[in-house]
Amino acid sequence: MKEAGIGRECFINLFINPITGKVDDVRFSFYRLSYYMYIPVSKFREIELKIKERLQFEVTDYGKQFNYIYYWNDYKFK
């Protein structure tokens, strides 16, 4: 099943806390009729927890003015 995801797009949206630089929320977006709809929600939760645990951003003074910092990435699995 892992091979079926190769080359397919998934959008990962991060909401970053401007004070701590830690990721507060992770959202996954993909096309409704895509390979990703067959992946169990528990896998997405596992990925979310790893992202929150491992990513730390350094926030500039300008970034600290906002309620949150939005970051997104178009990810293709290889």
N, C-alpha and C. Protein backbone atom coordinates (compact mmCIF):
# COMPACT_ATOMS: atom_id res chain seq x y z
N MET A 1 0.82 -1.19 0.00
CA MET A 1 0.00 0.00 0.00
C MET A 1 0.87 1.26 0.00
N LYS A 2 2.04 1.17 0.60
CA LYS A 2 2.94 2.32 0.66
C LYS A 2 3.34 2.77 -0.74
N GLU A 3 3.54 1.85 -1.65
CA GLU A 3 3.95 2.18 -3.01
C GLU A 3 2.86 2.95 -3.75
N ALA A 4 1.61 2.75 -3.38
CA ALA A 4 0.50 3.44 -4.05
C ALA A 4 0.53 4.94 -3.80
N GLY A 5 1.18 5.38 -2.73
CA GLY A 5 1.25 6.80 -2.40
C GLY A 5 2.38 7.54 -3.06
N ILE A 6 3.28 6.83 -3.71
CA ILE A 6 4.45 7.47 -4.31
C ILE A 6 4.01 8.42 -5.42
N GLY A 7 4.51 9.67 -5.34
CA GLY A 7 4.22 10.68 -6.34
C GLY A 7 2.90 11.40 -6.15
N ARG A 8 2.16 11.09 -5.12
CA ARG A 8 0.86 11.73 -4.90
C ARG A 8 1.01 12.90 -3.93
N GLU A 9 0.17 13.92 -4.15
CA GLU A 9 0.27 15.15 -3.37
C GLU A 9 -0.57 15.10 -2.10
N CYS A 10 0.00 15.68 -1.07
CA CYS A 10 -0.70 15.89 0.20
C CYS A 10 -0.24 17.25 0.71
N PHE A 11 -1.17 18.08 1.13
CA PHE A 11 -0.83 19.40 1.65
C PHE A 11 -0.80 19.33 3.17
N ILE A 12 0.25 19.83 3.75
CA ILE A 12 0.39 19.84 5.20
C ILE A 12 0.40 21.30 5.64
N ASN A 13 -0.56 21.66 6.49
CA ASN A 13 -0.70 23.02 6.99
C ASN A 13 -0.31 23.05 8.46
N LEU A 14 0.59 23.97 8.81
CA LEU A 14 1.04 24.10 10.19
C LEU A 14 0.61 25.45 10.74
N PHE A 15 0.12 25.45 11.97
CA PHE A 15 -0.20 26.67 12.69
C PHE A 15 0.80 26.78 13.83
N ILE A 16 1.66 27.78 13.75
CA ILE A 16 2.80 27.91 14.65
C ILE A 16 2.51 28.99 15.70
N ASN A 17 2.80 28.67 16.94
CA ASN A 17 2.64 29.62 18.04
C ASN A 17 3.75 30.66 17.92
N PRO A 18 3.41 31.96 17.79
CA PRO A 18 4.44 32.98 17.58
C PRO A 18 5.29 33.26 18.81
N ILE A 19 4.85 32.86 19.97
CA ILE A 19 5.62 33.11 21.19
C ILE A 19 6.64 32.00 21.43
N THR A 20 6.20 30.75 21.29
CA THR A 20 7.07 29.62 21.59
C THR A 20 7.78 29.07 20.36
N GLY A 21 7.22 29.28 19.18
CA GLY A 21 7.80 28.71 17.96
C GLY A 21 7.42 27.25 17.75
N LYS A 22 6.60 26.70 18.65
CA LYS A 22 6.17 25.30 18.54
C LYS A 22 4.94 25.22 17.63
N VAL A 23 4.74 24.07 17.03
CA VAL A 23 3.58 23.83 16.18
C VAL A 23 2.38 23.54 17.07
N ASP A 24 1.33 24.35 16.94
CA ASP A 24 0.12 24.17 17.74
C ASP A 24 -0.88 23.24 17.07
N ASP A 25 -0.96 23.32 15.74
CA ASP A 25 -1.96 22.52 15.03
C ASP A 25 -1.39 22.09 13.68
N VAL A 26 -1.78 20.89 13.27
CA VAL A 26 -1.37 20.34 11.97
C VAL A 26 -2.63 19.91 11.24
N ARG A 27 -2.74 20.30 9.98
CA ARG A 27 -3.89 19.88 9.17
C ARG A 27 -3.38 19.28 7.87
N PHE A 28 -4.02 18.23 7.47
CA PHE A 28 -3.69 17.55 6.23
C PHE A 28 -4.81 17.80 5.23
N SER A 29 -4.45 18.14 4.00
CA SER A 29 -5.44 18.35 2.95
C SER A 29 -5.03 17.52 1.74
N PHE A 30 -6.02 16.87 1.16
CA PHE A 30 -5.78 16.10 -0.06
C PHE A 30 -7.09 15.96 -0.80
N TYR A 31 -6.99 15.56 -2.05
CA TYR A 31 -8.19 15.40 -2.86
C TYR A 31 -9.05 14.27 -2.30
N ARG A 32 -10.33 14.48 -2.33
CA ARG A 32 -11.29 13.56 -1.72
C ARG A 32 -11.14 12.13 -2.24
N LEU A 33 -10.96 11.96 -3.51
CA LEU A 33 -10.87 10.62 -4.09
C LEU A 33 -9.42 10.24 -4.35
N SER A 34 -8.58 10.43 -3.37
CA SER A 34 -7.16 10.13 -3.55
C SER A 34 -6.76 8.92 -2.72
N TYR A 35 -5.54 8.54 -2.88
CA TYR A 35 -4.95 7.42 -2.14
C TYR A 35 -5.05 7.64 -0.64
N TYR A 36 -4.93 8.88 -0.20
CA TYR A 36 -4.85 9.18 1.23
C TYR A 36 -6.14 8.90 1.99
N MET A 37 -7.25 8.84 1.29
CA MET A 37 -8.51 8.57 2.00
C MET A 37 -8.56 7.14 2.55
N TYR A 38 -7.65 6.29 2.12
CA TYR A 38 -7.61 4.91 2.61
C TYR A 38 -6.65 4.72 3.78
N ILE A 39 -5.91 5.76 4.13
CA ILE A 39 -4.98 5.67 5.25
C ILE A 39 -5.76 5.90 6.54
N PRO A 40 -5.57 5.06 7.55
CA PRO A 40 -6.30 5.24 8.81
C PRO A 40 -5.97 6.58 9.48
N VAL A 41 -6.95 7.14 10.15
CA VAL A 41 -6.78 8.41 10.84
C VAL A 41 -5.66 8.32 11.87
N SER A 42 -5.48 7.15 12.45
CA SER A 42 -4.43 6.97 13.46
C SER A 42 -3.03 7.25 12.88
N LYS A 43 -2.83 6.96 11.60
CA LYS A 43 -1.53 7.24 10.96
C LYS A 43 -1.30 8.75 10.85
N PHE A 44 -2.36 9.48 10.47
CA PHE A 44 -2.24 10.93 10.39
C PHE A 44 -1.97 11.52 11.77
N ARG A 45 -2.60 10.96 12.78
CA ARG A 45 -2.37 11.42 14.16
C ARG A 45 -0.92 11.16 14.57
N GLU A 46 -0.40 10.02 14.19
CA GLU A 46 1.00 9.68 14.49
C GLU A 46 1.95 10.68 13.82
N ILE A 47 1.68 11.02 12.57
CA ILE A 47 2.50 11.99 11.85
C ILE A 47 2.39 13.36 12.52
N GLU A 48 1.17 13.74 12.90
CA GLU A 48 0.95 15.02 13.57
C GLU A 48 1.76 15.12 14.86
N LEU A 49 1.74 14.08 15.67
CA LEU A 49 2.48 14.09 16.93
C LEU A 49 3.99 14.18 16.71
N LYS A 50 4.48 13.50 15.67
CA LYS A 50 5.91 13.58 15.36
C LYS A 50 6.30 14.98 14.91
N ILE A 51 5.45 15.60 14.09
CA ILE A 51 5.73 16.97 13.64
C ILE A 51 5.77 17.91 14.84
N LYS A 52 4.78 17.81 15.72
CA LYS A 52 4.73 18.69 16.90
C LYS A 52 5.93 18.47 17.82
N GLU A 53 6.38 17.25 17.91
CA GLU A 53 7.50 16.92 18.79
C GLU A 53 8.84 17.38 18.22
N ARG A 54 9.03 17.26 16.92
CA ARG A 54 10.35 17.46 16.31
C ARG A 54 10.58 18.84 15.70
N LEU A 55 9.51 19.58 15.38
CA LEU A 55 9.70 20.88 14.74
C LEU A 55 9.66 22.01 15.75
N GLN A 56 10.61 22.90 15.62
CA GLN A 56 10.67 24.11 16.45
C GLN A 56 11.13 25.24 15.52
N PHE A 57 10.39 26.33 15.49
CA PHE A 57 10.72 27.45 14.63
C PHE A 57 11.28 28.59 15.47
N GLU A 58 12.17 29.35 14.86
CA GLU A 58 12.68 30.56 15.50
C GLU A 58 11.87 31.73 14.94
N VAL A 59 11.14 32.40 15.80
CA VAL A 59 10.21 33.45 15.37
C VAL A 59 10.88 34.81 15.49
N THR A 60 10.76 35.60 14.44
CA THR A 60 11.33 36.96 14.45
C THR A 60 10.40 37.90 15.23
N ASP A 61 10.88 39.11 15.47
CA ASP A 61 10.06 40.11 16.15
C ASP A 61 8.80 40.42 15.33
N TYR A 62 8.95 40.44 14.03
CA TYR A 62 7.79 40.68 13.16
C TYR A 62 6.76 39.56 13.32
N GLY A 63 7.21 38.33 13.37
CA GLY A 63 6.31 37.18 13.52
C GLY A 63 5.59 37.16 14.85
N LYS A 64 6.20 37.72 15.87
CA LYS A 64 5.60 37.74 17.21
C LYS A 64 4.40 38.69 17.30
N GLN A 65 4.18 39.50 16.27
CA GLN A 65 3.05 40.42 16.25
C GLN A 65 1.73 39.71 15.95
N PHE A 66 1.79 38.51 15.41
CA PHE A 66 0.60 37.81 14.94
C PHE A 66 0.04 36.85 15.99
N ASN A 67 -1.22 36.48 15.81
CA ASN A 67 -1.85 35.49 16.69
C ASN A 67 -1.29 34.10 16.45
N TYR A 68 -0.98 33.81 15.21
CA TYR A 68 -0.36 32.55 14.83
C TYR A 68 0.37 32.75 13.51
N ILE A 69 1.27 31.84 13.20
CA ILE A 69 1.99 31.87 11.92
C ILE A 69 1.54 30.65 11.13
N TYR A 70 1.10 30.90 9.92
CA TYR A 70 0.59 29.84 9.06
C TYR A 70 1.69 29.41 8.09
N TYR A 71 1.91 28.12 8.00
CA TYR A 71 2.92 27.57 7.08
C TYR A 71 2.30 26.36 6.40
N TRP A 72 2.45 26.27 5.10
CA TRP A 72 1.94 25.09 4.40
C TRP A 72 2.99 24.59 3.42
N ASN A 73 2.88 23.32 3.13
CA ASN A 73 3.81 22.69 2.21
C ASN A 73 3.07 21.67 1.37
N ASP A 74 3.35 21.68 0.09
CA ASP A 74 2.82 20.68 -0.83
C ASP A 74 3.81 19.53 -0.83
N TYR A 75 3.42 18.41 -0.30
CA TYR A 75 4.35 17.29 -0.12
C TYR A 75 4.02 16.15 -1.07
N LYS A 76 5.04 15.67 -1.76
CA LYS A 76 4.89 14.49 -2.62
C LYS A 76 5.73 13.38 -2.03
N PHE A 77 5.09 12.26 -1.77
CA PHE A 77 5.80 11.13 -1.19
C PHE A 77 6.69 10.47 -2.24
N LYS A 78 7.87 10.07 -1.83
CA LYS A 78 8.85 9.46 -2.74
C LYS A 78 9.06 8.01 -2.36
